Amino acid sequence: MLLWNLYFLTVLGLSHIGKASFEPLANLALLALVFVFYVLHFVKPRLSTALQILTGTPLAVALLLHQLGLILSKELLTQIQNLLGLNPHYLLELLRRSVPAQYLWAALATYIVLRIVNRYIRVHAWVATAVALFALHTLWADHLVEKRNAKLALMENANSKTLRAGGFETERIVLGETRFEQLKITFNQGTNTAGKQSVQGMVTTYFEKQRKLALDTFTPLAQPDFDIVLIHVCSLAWADLKGMRQTQHPLLRDADLLFSEFNTATSYSGPAVVRLLRSTCGQPTHTDLYTPPRAECALFNQLERAGFRVEFGLNHDGKFDGFKQQVQTNLMVPAQEPVTFDSVSLGAIAFDQSPIARDLDFLKAWLKHRNTESGKPVAYYYNTITLHDGNLLPNSSLNSLEAYPVRLERFLDDLQGFVQAYRKSGRKALVLMVPEHGAGMTGEYGQLTGLREIPTPAITKAPVLGYWISPNFERKDVYKFPVTIEKPVSYLAVSEFIARWIELPPSQRDDPTWPLLVSDLPTSLYVAEQGRIAVTEINGNYLLKTPGARQWVPLDKQ
């Protein structure tokens, strides 16, 4: 029973230092179950041991993860299952990140003390008493809060009580008075179009409208004389740039265009590639991503019709999660792959131990190939996973987390080098860098470091950068560069900008009226989904909905 004593002491300790919540009724129920195991042990020890392993242990682990704030879902279990087939060194690194070494040493020391003390006193009786008293104390404190807030609720006017079904009493108890007031203001204000709709009503209405949105066919006034290069970047968000102090990198400063409030709408690569390649229609729900693609929604199908030849490249093998197949399926047009990941120098070693090509070498190899071609302009899709968690630098002792700042700076330098090389080539191109999602390297409450089941703003708010490359283009001082779109947008706005650029009179591309090009681009409600987990933003407040939950609850911005 010493391991059970250690478990309950761990829960109490984590709760005391603020690293976990404490569920009084659930812990009392588990304590009662452990008492049954204890009594049964004297009658049928083997049966007691089997029941502890088969029932007690899974319940205890699930309760502990819940109290740590981790959202247990099918998506999380799927990702953990996928991780089991990866590099064992990466798995060990994830474990070290998730469980600090000092916690393990503290647990070991506690276990040793328990074994010694247990020789002289009944430790389990004292631990059980401590858990029971702490649970009763928590229940009594919650009761006092509920009683006080029930009185306050009587003072609320009728409108405040009927903002949505169920009222706010539960939120008031859970959140406390200050955060409750913030949440109430959010629902009072609503949105301009939603009135007094519930949050779920706003989200549902948003997706219903998005299903009806589709851009018109791209119609250039003349055959385009420039390429379009779309660089799709894994694991790069504003939070990563800020955390690594790279927001002033020349690549960002020298951009001609910046979408500063872009929502990737997902936290994983598979859904991200589908969203980008189907971006000429409105934002689909996560479920709708897995319906057959429609031609009118396929960005590269539109580009082919506008006179571009489609090519693609990946700086990796694309086998993990069938990624390459997803790219080819959602391009929806025959596409050449003139450069492959294994034809250029090694840049990193992937989380599954496969090779990753160096971005600058890969893109320069493609540009060299492009300079030998003639005929139609090219629309090129390039995907890079250089920044993905778990990747290692060749001939380096740094682990993935330590190597991320190095990989990030090198990646930004590589993209800057590619843009400069394109300028020297004398060719024309519109280059756009669009992140798939962030890296989440700093970790967040309720989420294992390195996993991204919860699509938080730190993971889904990312910069989209644009560069117009032409021998005749010169920036004018009348505009402040990069020209910045500060409104909340997503993929449809990027496709709309591409359409506008294509449809410009050729004489205006080297002297564009930027305010007209970026005005009234389609905005979007911030909604990000990963499987059945969703996050939305209403008037600056982030709300979370988990599998099986009826209500949206505030998301801590930690």
Protein backbone atom coordinates (compact mmCIF):
# COMPACT_ATOMS: atom_id res chain seq x y z
CA MET A 1 0.00 0.00 0.00
CA LEU A 2 3.03 2.28 0.18
CA LEU A 3 2.65 3.24 -3.50
CA TRP A 4 -0.90 4.39 -2.83
CA ASN A 5 0.35 6.46 0.08
CA LEU A 6 2.94 8.00 -2.24
CA TYR A 7 0.25 8.71 -4.84
CA PHE A 8 -2.04 10.58 -2.43
CA LEU A 9 0.84 12.51 -0.91
CA THR A 10 1.92 13.50 -4.43
CA VAL A 11 -1.58 14.80 -5.18
CA LEU A 12 -1.66 16.77 -1.93
CA GLY A 13 1.81 18.16 -2.56
CA LEU A 14 1.12 19.24 -6.14
CA SER A 15 -2.13 20.84 -5.02
CA HIS A 16 -0.36 22.68 -2.20
CA ILE A 17 2.27 24.22 -4.52
CA GLY A 18 -0.36 25.14 -7.13
CA LYS A 19 0.70 22.65 -9.80
CA ALA A 20 -2.57 20.74 -9.70
CA SER A 21 -6.17 21.15 -8.65
CA PHE A 22 -7.80 18.89 -6.05
CA GLU A 23 -11.06 17.09 -6.78
CA PRO A 24 -12.43 16.27 -3.30
CA LEU A 25 -15.21 13.84 -4.22
CA ALA A 26 -13.12 11.98 -6.80
CA ASN A 27 -10.22 11.61 -4.36
CA LEU A 28 -12.55 10.41 -1.60
CA ALA A 29 -14.03 7.84 -4.01
CA LEU A 30 -10.56 6.63 -4.98
CA LEU A 31 -9.57 6.51 -1.31
CA ALA A 32 -12.62 4.33 -0.60
CA LEU A 33 -11.67 2.04 -3.47
CA VAL A 34 -8.15 1.69 -2.09
CA PHE A 35 -9.62 0.78 1.30
CA VAL A 36 -11.58 -2.03 -0.42
CA PHE A 37 -8.32 -3.26 -1.98
CA TYR A 38 -6.69 -3.13 1.46
CA VAL A 39 -9.41 -5.22 3.14
CA LEU A 40 -9.56 -7.66 0.21
CA HIS A 41 -5.80 -8.18 0.44
CA PHE A 42 -6.20 -10.05 3.72
CA VAL A 43 -8.73 -12.44 2.16
CA LYS A 44 -7.58 -12.86 -1.45
CA PRO A 45 -4.23 -11.11 -1.98
CA ARG A 46 -3.86 -12.14 -5.63
CA LEU A 47 -7.31 -10.85 -6.52
CA SER A 48 -6.58 -7.61 -4.67
CA THR A 49 -3.34 -7.11 -6.61
CA ALA A 50 -5.04 -7.84 -9.93
CA LEU A 51 -7.86 -5.39 -9.23
CA GLN A 52 -5.40 -2.69 -8.23
CA ILE A 53 -3.50 -3.10 -11.49
CA LEU A 54 -6.54 -3.40 -13.77
CA THR A 55 -8.89 -0.86 -12.17
CA GLY A 56 -7.21 1.20 -9.48
CA THR A 57 -4.11 2.19 -11.42
CA PRO A 58 -5.93 3.46 -14.59
CA LEU A 59 -8.41 5.42 -12.44
CA ALA A 60 -5.60 6.94 -10.38
CA VAL A 61 -3.61 7.96 -13.47
CA ALA A 62 -6.68 9.45 -15.15
CA LEU A 63 -7.57 11.42 -12.02
CA LEU A 64 -4.02 12.70 -11.61
CA LEU A 65 -3.84 13.84 -15.25
CA HIS A 66 -7.21 15.52 -14.89
CA GLN A 67 -6.06 17.37 -11.77
CA LEU A 68 -2.92 18.45 -13.64
CA GLY A 69 -5.20 20.09 -16.18
CA LEU A 70 -4.55 17.63 -19.00
CA ILE A 71 -7.51 17.10 -21.31
CA LEU A 72 -8.02 13.38 -21.79
CA SER A 73 -9.30 12.69 -25.28
CA LYS A 74 -9.19 10.23 -28.14
CA GLU A 75 -6.92 12.65 -29.98
CA LEU A 76 -4.38 12.66 -27.14
CA LEU A 77 -4.33 8.86 -26.95
CA THR A 78 -3.84 8.70 -30.73
CA GLN A 79 -0.89 11.07 -30.59
CA ILE A 80 0.69 9.16 -27.69
CA GLN A 81 0.26 5.96 -29.70
CA ASN A 82 1.97 7.61 -32.68
CA LEU A 83 4.83 8.74 -30.47
CA LEU A 84 5.57 5.18 -29.36
CA GLY A 85 6.94 4.41 -32.82
CA LEU A 86 9.35 7.35 -32.85
CA ASN A 87 12.94 7.86 -31.82
CA PRO A 88 13.37 6.50 -28.25
CA HIS A 89 15.70 9.42 -27.45
CA TYR A 90 12.87 11.80 -28.34
CA LEU A 91 10.46 9.91 -26.09
CA LEU A 92 12.94 10.18 -23.22
CA GLU A 93 13.29 13.91 -23.88
CA LEU A 94 9.50 14.35 -23.78
CA LEU A 95 9.40 12.50 -20.46
CA ARG A 96 12.11 14.72 -19.00
CA ARG A 97 10.27 17.85 -20.10
CA SER A 98 6.96 16.69 -18.68
CA VAL A 99 8.29 15.45 -15.33
CA PRO A 100 11.02 17.70 -13.87
CA ALA A 101 13.92 15.82 -12.29
CA GLN A 102 13.37 17.47 -8.90
CA TYR A 103 9.87 15.97 -8.75
CA LEU A 104 11.29 12.49 -9.29
CA TRP A 105 13.93 12.99 -6.61
CA ALA A 106 11.26 14.30 -4.23
CA ALA A 107 9.05 11.28 -4.94
CA LEU A 108 11.96 8.90 -4.36
CA ALA A 109 12.88 10.59 -1.08
CA THR A 110 9.26 10.49 0.07
CA TYR A 111 9.01 6.79 -0.75
CA ILE A 112 12.16 6.02 1.24
CA VAL A 113 10.84 7.97 4.23
CA LEU A 114 7.50 6.15 3.99
CA ARG A 115 9.22 2.76 4.04
CA ILE A 116 11.19 3.70 7.17
CA VAL A 117 8.33 5.37 9.04
CA ASN A 118 5.90 2.57 8.11
CA ARG A 119 7.85 0.20 10.35
CA TYR A 120 6.78 2.16 13.41
CA ILE A 121 3.38 3.67 12.62
CA ARG A 122 0.45 2.97 10.30
CA VAL A 123 1.34 5.42 7.53
CA HIS A 124 -1.71 4.59 5.42
CA ALA A 125 -4.04 5.59 8.25
CA TRP A 126 -2.38 8.99 8.59
CA VAL A 127 -2.34 9.57 4.81
CA ALA A 128 -6.00 8.55 4.51
CA THR A 129 -6.88 10.94 7.33
CA ALA A 130 -4.98 13.78 5.64
CA VAL A 131 -6.74 13.19 2.31
CA ALA A 132 -10.15 13.00 3.97
CA LEU A 133 -9.60 16.18 6.00
CA PHE A 134 -8.27 18.08 2.96
CA ALA A 135 -11.24 16.93 0.88
CA LEU A 136 -13.72 17.98 3.56
CA HIS A 137 -11.98 21.33 3.91
CA THR A 138 -12.19 21.87 0.14
CA LEU A 139 -15.87 20.91 0.04
CA TRP A 140 -16.66 23.28 2.92
CA ALA A 141 -14.76 26.14 1.25
CA ASP A 142 -16.66 25.51 -2.00
CA HIS A 143 -19.92 25.50 -0.08
CA LEU A 144 -19.16 28.87 1.47
CA VAL A 145 -18.30 30.32 -1.94
CA GLU A 146 -21.50 28.90 -3.40
CA LYS A 147 -23.57 30.28 -0.53
CA ARG A 148 -22.04 33.74 -0.88
CA ASN A 149 -22.44 33.82 -4.63
CA ALA A 150 -25.99 32.53 -4.41
CA LYS A 151 -26.81 35.70 -2.49
CA LEU A 152 -25.10 37.79 -5.14
CA ALA A 153 -27.02 35.95 -7.84
CA LEU A 154 -30.30 37.11 -6.30
CA MET A 155 -29.16 40.67 -6.90
CA GLU A 156 -28.55 40.09 -10.62
CA ASN A 157 -31.21 41.51 -12.89
CA ALA A 158 -33.28 39.27 -15.12
CA ASN A 159 -31.20 39.96 -18.20
CA SER A 160 -28.01 38.86 -16.48
CA LYS A 161 -29.63 35.58 -15.43
CA THR A 162 -30.90 34.72 -18.90
CA LEU A 163 -27.82 35.43 -20.97
CA ARG A 164 -27.74 31.76 -21.86
CA ALA A 165 -29.23 28.51 -20.72
CA GLY A 166 -28.02 27.40 -17.32
CA GLY A 167 -27.06 30.84 -16.06
CA PHE A 168 -23.66 31.68 -14.63
CA GLU A 169 -23.82 30.21 -11.14
CA THR A 170 -21.50 27.31 -11.98
CA GLU A 171 -18.97 29.59 -13.63
CA ARG A 172 -19.10 31.92 -10.65
CA ILE A 173 -18.24 29.08 -8.27
CA VAL A 174 -15.49 27.63 -10.43
CA LEU A 175 -13.88 30.85 -11.58
CA GLY A 176 -14.26 33.14 -8.62
CA GLU A 177 -15.72 36.62 -8.69
CA THR A 178 -13.12 38.45 -10.80
CA ARG A 179 -12.96 36.03 -13.70
CA PHE A 180 -16.69 35.48 -13.48
CA GLU A 181 -17.25 39.19 -14.09
CA GLN A 182 -14.91 39.08 -17.10
CA LEU A 183 -16.81 36.14 -18.54
CA LYS A 184 -20.16 37.84 -17.92
CA ILE A 185 -19.01 40.95 -19.78
CA THR A 186 -18.02 38.76 -22.71
CA PHE A 187 -21.47 37.24 -22.96
CA ASN A 188 -23.18 40.57 -22.40
CA GLN A 189 -21.31 42.16 -25.27
CA GLY A 190 -21.58 39.23 -27.64
CA THR A 191 -20.75 40.24 -31.21
CA ASN A 192 -22.33 42.69 -33.61
CA THR A 193 -24.07 39.91 -35.50
CA ALA A 194 -24.73 37.42 -32.74
CA GLY A 195 -26.75 39.52 -30.32
CA LYS A 196 -27.44 37.34 -27.28
CA GLN A 197 -26.47 34.07 -28.89
CA SER A 198 -24.53 31.58 -26.81
CA VAL A 199 -20.88 31.02 -27.64
CA GLN A 200 -21.80 27.74 -29.32
CA GLY A 201 -24.46 29.60 -31.28
CA MET A 202 -21.87 32.11 -32.49
CA VAL A 203 -19.48 29.36 -33.54
CA THR A 204 -22.22 27.36 -35.27
CA THR A 205 -23.47 30.43 -37.13
CA TYR A 206 -19.90 31.28 -38.15
CA PHE A 207 -19.31 27.84 -39.69
CA GLU A 208 -22.68 27.90 -41.44
CA LYS A 209 -21.70 31.17 -43.12
CA GLN A 210 -18.22 29.85 -43.95
CA ARG A 211 -19.70 26.87 -45.79
CA LYS A 212 -21.31 29.28 -48.27
CA LEU A 213 -18.12 31.22 -49.01
CA ALA A 214 -16.06 30.54 -52.13
CA LEU A 215 -13.86 32.80 -54.19
CA ASP A 216 -14.68 33.43 -57.83
CA THR A 217 -12.47 31.83 -60.45
CA PHE A 218 -9.11 33.59 -60.67
CA THR A 219 -9.20 35.67 -63.87
CA PRO A 220 -5.92 37.40 -64.76
CA LEU A 221 -6.11 40.16 -67.37
CA ALA A 222 -3.12 38.62 -69.15
CA GLN A 223 -0.98 35.51 -68.91
CA PRO A 224 0.95 35.86 -65.61
CA ASP A 225 4.67 36.52 -66.00
CA PHE A 226 5.64 35.65 -62.42
CA ASP A 227 5.84 32.60 -60.19
CA ILE A 228 3.98 31.99 -56.94
CA VAL A 229 5.97 30.27 -54.20
CA LEU A 230 3.98 29.13 -51.17
CA ILE A 231 6.22 28.07 -48.28
CA HIS A 232 4.30 26.07 -45.68
CA VAL A 233 6.20 26.05 -42.39
CA CYS A 234 5.71 23.56 -39.58
CA SER A 235 6.06 24.79 -35.97
CA LEU A 236 6.36 28.56 -36.19
CA ALA A 237 4.02 30.94 -34.34
CA TRP A 238 4.34 34.41 -32.85
CA ALA A 239 4.91 32.84 -29.43
CA ASP A 240 7.93 30.95 -30.76
CA LEU A 241 9.42 34.04 -32.41
CA LYS A 242 8.89 36.08 -29.25
CA GLY A 243 10.19 33.34 -26.98
CA MET A 244 13.37 33.01 -29.05
CA ARG A 245 13.68 36.79 -29.52
CA GLN A 246 13.48 36.63 -33.31
CA THR A 247 10.65 39.07 -34.00
CA GLN A 248 13.16 41.55 -35.42
CA HIS A 249 14.90 39.10 -37.74
CA PRO A 250 15.62 40.67 -41.17
CA LEU A 251 13.28 38.17 -42.80
CA LEU A 252 10.37 39.79 -40.95
CA ARG A 253 11.63 43.36 -41.23
CA ASP A 254 12.22 43.06 -44.99
CA ALA A 255 8.81 41.56 -45.77
CA ASP A 256 6.54 43.53 -48.07
CA LEU A 257 3.39 42.09 -46.53
CA LEU A 258 2.48 40.83 -43.05
CA PHE A 259 -0.70 39.21 -41.79
CA SER A 260 -0.15 39.83 -38.07
CA GLU A 261 -3.38 38.20 -36.80
CA PHE A 262 -3.44 35.05 -38.90
CA ASN A 263 -5.17 32.02 -37.39
CA THR A 264 -3.81 28.65 -38.49
CA ALA A 265 -7.10 27.16 -37.18
CA THR A 266 -5.38 23.94 -36.12
CA SER A 267 -2.39 22.75 -34.14
CA TYR A 268 -1.31 19.78 -36.30
CA SER A 269 0.23 19.48 -39.75
CA GLY A 270 -2.24 17.13 -41.41
CA PRO A 271 -5.27 19.40 -40.91
CA ALA A 272 -3.12 22.45 -41.69
CA VAL A 273 -2.14 21.28 -45.16
CA VAL A 274 -5.76 20.50 -45.98
CA ARG A 275 -6.89 23.93 -44.78
CA LEU A 276 -4.28 25.76 -46.84
CA LEU A 277 -4.72 23.77 -50.03
CA ARG A 278 -8.52 24.17 -49.80
CA SER A 279 -8.33 27.83 -48.91
CA THR A 280 -10.41 29.33 -51.73
CA CYS A 281 -13.50 28.38 -49.72
CA GLY A 282 -14.48 29.44 -46.20
CA GLN A 283 -13.13 27.84 -43.06
CA PRO A 284 -14.38 24.25 -42.71
CA THR A 285 -14.94 22.48 -39.41
CA HIS A 286 -12.38 19.85 -38.45
CA THR A 287 -14.87 17.13 -39.41
CA ASP A 288 -15.42 18.65 -42.87
CA LEU A 289 -11.70 18.44 -43.60
CA TYR A 290 -12.09 14.73 -44.16
CA THR A 291 -14.77 14.97 -46.82
CA PRO A 292 -13.71 14.67 -50.48
CA PRO A 293 -12.12 17.94 -51.74
CA ARG A 294 -14.12 20.17 -54.08
CA ALA A 295 -12.42 21.66 -57.14
CA GLU A 296 -13.68 25.17 -56.43
CA CYS A 297 -12.02 25.05 -52.98
CA ALA A 298 -8.60 23.91 -54.20
CA LEU A 299 -6.16 26.83 -54.34
CA PHE A 300 -3.75 25.18 -56.78
CA ASN A 301 -6.58 24.08 -59.03
CA GLN A 302 -7.52 27.76 -59.26
CA LEU A 303 -3.89 28.68 -59.97
CA GLU A 304 -3.61 26.11 -62.73
CA ARG A 305 -6.74 27.50 -64.38
CA ALA A 306 -5.19 30.99 -64.12
CA GLY A 307 -2.22 29.83 -66.23
CA PHE A 308 0.30 28.41 -63.74
CA ARG A 309 2.02 25.05 -63.88
CA VAL A 310 1.89 23.35 -60.47
CA GLU A 311 4.96 21.91 -58.74
CA PHE A 312 5.59 20.83 -55.16
CA GLY A 313 8.44 19.85 -52.87
CA LEU A 314 8.89 18.55 -49.32
CA ASN A 315 12.14 18.74 -47.38
CA HIS A 316 11.22 15.39 -45.78
CA ASP A 317 9.99 11.99 -46.94
CA GLY A 318 6.34 12.79 -46.12
CA LYS A 319 5.63 9.28 -44.85
CA PHE A 320 4.60 10.18 -41.30
CA ASP A 321 0.80 10.24 -41.06
CA GLY A 322 0.58 9.94 -44.86
CA PHE A 323 1.52 13.62 -45.25
CA LYS A 324 2.80 13.51 -48.84
CA GLN A 325 -0.34 11.72 -49.97
CA GLN A 326 -2.46 14.42 -48.32
CA VAL A 327 -0.54 17.10 -50.22
CA GLN A 328 -0.98 15.36 -53.58
CA THR A 329 -4.66 14.68 -52.94
CA ASN A 330 -5.51 18.25 -51.99
CA LEU A 331 -3.49 19.93 -54.73
CA MET A 332 -6.15 18.37 -56.96
CA VAL A 333 -4.01 18.80 -60.09
CA PRO A 334 -1.12 16.82 -61.55
CA ALA A 335 2.03 18.25 -59.95
CA GLN A 336 5.71 17.68 -60.66
CA GLU A 337 8.27 17.20 -57.88
CA PRO A 338 11.48 18.47 -59.52
CA VAL A 339 13.59 18.38 -56.32
CA THR A 340 13.38 15.73 -53.60
CA PHE A 341 14.53 15.83 -49.99
CA ASP A 342 17.28 13.23 -50.54
CA SER A 343 18.91 15.08 -53.45
CA VAL A 344 20.34 17.95 -51.36
CA SER A 345 22.40 18.29 -48.19
CA LEU A 346 21.17 17.13 -44.77
CA GLY A 347 19.79 19.89 -42.54
CA ALA A 348 18.35 17.95 -39.60
CA ILE A 349 17.36 14.49 -38.40
CA ALA A 350 13.61 14.12 -37.94
CA PHE A 351 11.73 12.94 -34.87
CA ASP A 352 11.29 9.56 -36.63
CA GLN A 353 15.01 9.44 -37.53
CA SER A 354 14.42 10.20 -41.22
CA PRO A 355 16.54 12.85 -43.01
CA ILE A 356 15.42 16.46 -43.44
CA ALA A 357 16.93 18.57 -46.21
CA ARG A 358 18.51 21.96 -45.50
CA ASP A 359 15.95 24.59 -46.56
CA LEU A 360 18.32 26.97 -48.35
CA ASP A 361 19.99 24.18 -50.33
CA PHE A 362 16.64 22.69 -51.26
CA LEU A 363 15.08 25.97 -52.38
CA LYS A 364 18.20 27.01 -54.27
CA ALA A 365 18.19 23.64 -56.05
CA TRP A 366 14.59 24.24 -57.06
CA LEU A 367 15.38 27.79 -58.21
CA LYS A 368 18.28 26.44 -60.29
CA HIS A 369 15.89 23.97 -61.89
CA ARG A 370 13.35 26.75 -62.39
CA ASN A 371 15.90 28.87 -64.24
CA THR A 372 16.25 26.11 -66.82
CA GLU A 373 12.53 25.96 -67.52
CA SER A 374 10.49 27.95 -69.99
CA GLY A 375 6.82 28.25 -70.75
CA LYS A 376 4.15 28.78 -68.12
CA PRO A 377 4.88 30.42 -64.79
CA VAL A 378 4.98 28.04 -61.84
CA ALA A 379 2.88 27.83 -58.69
CA TYR A 380 5.14 26.03 -56.24
CA TYR A 381 4.09 24.47 -52.91
CA TYR A 382 7.00 23.84 -50.55
CA ASN A 383 6.61 22.18 -47.15
CA THR A 384 9.30 22.26 -44.47
CA ILE A 385 9.43 20.48 -41.10
CA THR A 386 12.84 21.82 -40.06
CA LEU A 387 11.34 23.30 -36.88
CA HIS A 388 9.25 20.29 -35.83
CA ASP A 389 9.65 19.16 -32.23
CA GLY A 390 11.93 16.15 -31.85
CA ASN A 391 14.26 17.10 -34.73
CA LEU A 392 17.98 17.08 -34.03
CA LEU A 393 20.90 18.86 -35.65
CA PRO A 394 23.50 16.61 -37.29
CA ASN A 395 26.74 16.18 -35.34
CA SER A 396 25.32 18.03 -32.33
CA SER A 397 24.84 17.01 -28.71
CA LEU A 398 21.87 19.36 -28.26
CA ASN A 399 18.48 17.77 -27.65
CA SER A 400 15.44 18.92 -29.64
CA LEU A 401 14.35 21.58 -27.17
CA GLU A 402 17.86 23.01 -26.88
CA ALA A 403 18.32 22.92 -30.65
CA TYR A 404 15.08 24.77 -31.46
CA PRO A 405 16.57 28.30 -31.15
CA VAL A 406 19.45 27.25 -33.41
CA ARG A 407 17.13 25.61 -35.93
CA LEU A 408 14.83 28.64 -35.89
CA GLU A 409 17.59 31.17 -36.57
CA ARG A 410 19.06 28.97 -39.29
CA PHE A 411 15.63 28.54 -40.88
CA LEU A 412 14.96 32.29 -40.91
CA ASP A 413 18.41 32.88 -42.38
CA ASP A 414 17.75 30.23 -45.04
CA LEU A 415 14.47 31.81 -46.12
CA GLN A 416 16.09 35.21 -46.25
CA GLY A 417 18.87 33.70 -48.40
CA PHE A 418 16.31 32.18 -50.75
CA VAL A 419 14.48 35.50 -51.21
CA GLN A 420 17.80 37.20 -51.94
CA ALA A 421 18.77 34.48 -54.42
CA TYR A 422 15.43 34.88 -56.19
CA ARG A 423 16.00 38.62 -56.47
CA LYS A 424 19.43 38.02 -58.03
CA SER A 425 17.94 35.61 -60.55
CA GLY A 426 16.08 38.41 -62.31
CA ARG A 427 12.83 36.45 -62.20
CA LYS A 428 9.52 37.68 -60.83
CA ALA A 429 7.76 35.91 -57.97
CA LEU A 430 5.22 36.38 -55.23
CA VAL A 431 6.62 34.47 -52.23
CA LEU A 432 4.37 33.76 -49.27
CA MET A 433 5.41 32.08 -46.02
CA VAL A 434 2.44 30.52 -44.18
CA PRO A 435 2.93 28.62 -40.89
CA GLU A 436 1.04 25.38 -40.28
CA HIS A 437 0.99 25.93 -36.51
CA GLY A 438 3.36 26.85 -33.70
CA ALA A 439 5.88 24.66 -31.93
CA GLY A 440 4.50 25.05 -28.39
CA MET A 441 8.02 24.58 -27.06
CA THR A 442 7.46 26.52 -23.84
CA GLY A 443 4.56 24.32 -22.76
CA GLU A 444 1.19 25.40 -21.39
CA TYR A 445 -1.05 24.43 -18.50
CA GLY A 446 -3.15 21.41 -19.42
CA GLN A 447 -0.87 20.30 -22.23
CA LEU A 448 2.20 18.10 -22.31
CA THR A 449 5.24 19.95 -23.64
CA GLY A 450 5.81 18.83 -27.22
CA LEU A 451 2.18 17.83 -27.81
CA ARG A 452 -0.41 20.25 -29.18
CA GLU A 453 -3.85 18.77 -28.58
CA ILE A 454 -5.24 22.12 -27.38
CA PRO A 455 -5.11 24.67 -30.25
CA THR A 456 -4.30 27.65 -28.04
CA PRO A 457 -3.44 31.14 -29.34
CA ALA A 458 0.22 30.47 -28.54
CA ILE A 459 0.12 27.71 -31.14
CA THR A 460 -2.36 28.99 -33.72
CA LYS A 461 -1.64 32.72 -33.97
CA ALA A 462 1.17 33.04 -36.49
CA PRO A 463 2.72 35.53 -38.93
CA VAL A 464 2.14 35.23 -42.67
CA LEU A 465 4.89 36.99 -44.64
CA GLY A 466 4.79 38.10 -48.27
CA TYR A 467 7.51 39.25 -50.68
CA TRP A 468 7.11 40.68 -54.18
CA ILE A 469 10.24 39.98 -56.18
CA SER A 470 10.70 41.86 -59.44
CA PRO A 471 13.65 43.68 -61.04
CA ASN A 472 11.46 46.77 -61.48
CA PHE A 473 9.89 46.88 -58.01
CA GLU A 474 11.07 49.47 -55.53
CA ARG A 475 9.44 50.29 -52.22
CA LYS A 476 7.94 53.74 -51.92
CA ASP A 477 8.31 55.77 -48.76
CA VAL A 478 4.61 56.61 -48.84
CA TYR A 479 3.89 53.10 -47.49
CA LYS A 480 5.13 51.66 -44.22
CA PHE A 481 6.67 48.23 -44.79
CA PRO A 482 5.81 45.59 -44.16
CA VAL A 483 2.26 46.51 -45.15
CA THR A 484 0.39 44.97 -42.23
CA ILE A 485 -3.09 43.44 -42.06
CA GLU A 486 -3.96 43.64 -38.37
CA LYS A 487 -7.50 42.25 -38.58
CA PRO A 488 -8.18 38.61 -37.58
CA VAL A 489 -7.94 36.53 -40.74
CA SER A 490 -7.33 32.96 -41.82
CA TYR A 491 -6.65 31.05 -45.04
CA LEU A 492 -9.41 32.60 -47.13
CA ALA A 493 -7.80 36.05 -46.76
CA VAL A 494 -4.46 34.68 -48.05
CA SER A 495 -6.15 33.17 -51.12
CA GLU A 496 -8.12 36.36 -51.69
CA PHE A 497 -4.88 38.37 -51.66
CA ILE A 498 -3.32 35.95 -54.18
CA ALA A 499 -6.40 36.32 -56.40
CA ARG A 500 -6.20 40.11 -56.24
CA TRP A 501 -2.51 40.05 -57.09
CA ILE A 502 -3.08 37.77 -60.08
CA GLU A 503 -5.93 39.97 -61.33
CA LEU A 504 -3.90 43.20 -61.15
CA PRO A 505 -3.06 44.84 -64.46
CA PRO A 506 0.56 43.79 -65.19
CA SER A 507 1.64 47.44 -65.24
CA GLN A 508 0.51 47.89 -61.62
CA ARG A 509 2.35 44.99 -60.01
CA ASP A 510 5.62 46.89 -59.76
CA ASP A 511 3.82 49.95 -58.43
CA PRO A 512 0.96 48.46 -56.40
CA THR A 513 -1.53 50.48 -54.41
CA TRP A 514 -1.11 48.46 -51.25
CA PRO A 515 -4.06 49.87 -49.27
CA LEU A 516 -6.46 48.78 -52.02
CA LEU A 517 -4.88 45.34 -52.28
CA VAL A 518 -5.29 44.59 -48.57
CA SER A 519 -8.53 46.45 -47.83
CA ASP A 520 -11.62 44.47 -46.91
CA LEU A 521 -9.92 41.09 -47.01
CA PRO A 522 -12.27 38.49 -45.51
CA THR A 523 -11.98 38.49 -41.74
CA SER A 524 -12.74 35.51 -39.52
CA LEU A 525 -13.91 34.62 -36.06
CA TYR A 526 -11.04 33.10 -34.15
CA VAL A 527 -11.92 29.40 -33.98
CA ALA A 528 -9.20 26.75 -33.83
CA GLU A 529 -9.86 23.01 -33.69
CA GLN A 530 -7.84 19.88 -33.14
CA GLY A 531 -10.09 16.88 -33.34
CA ARG A 532 -12.96 17.46 -30.91
CA ILE A 533 -11.12 20.11 -28.91
CA ALA A 534 -11.83 23.72 -29.89
CA VAL A 535 -10.80 27.20 -28.78
CA THR A 536 -12.52 30.43 -29.72
CA GLU A 537 -12.04 34.09 -28.89
CA ILE A 538 -14.91 36.39 -27.99
CA ASN A 539 -14.00 40.01 -27.26
CA GLY A 540 -10.49 39.16 -26.14
CA ASN A 541 -11.53 36.23 -23.94
CA TYR A 542 -10.42 32.75 -24.99
CA LEU A 543 -12.90 29.93 -24.40
CA LEU A 544 -12.31 26.19 -24.58
CA LYS A 545 -14.63 23.32 -25.43
CA THR A 546 -13.54 19.76 -24.75
CA PRO A 547 -14.97 16.43 -25.95
CA GLY A 548 -18.36 15.76 -24.39
CA ALA A 549 -18.61 19.19 -22.75
CA ARG A 550 -21.82 21.16 -23.21
CA GLN A 551 -20.38 24.55 -22.38
CA TRP A 552 -17.38 26.61 -23.36
CA VAL A 553 -15.18 27.51 -20.40
CA PRO A 554 -12.47 30.19 -20.09
CA LEU A 555 -9.02 29.17 -21.22
CA ASP A 556 -6.15 30.28 -19.02
CA LYS A 557 -3.68 32.34 -21.06
CA GLN A 558 -0.65 30.78 -19.38
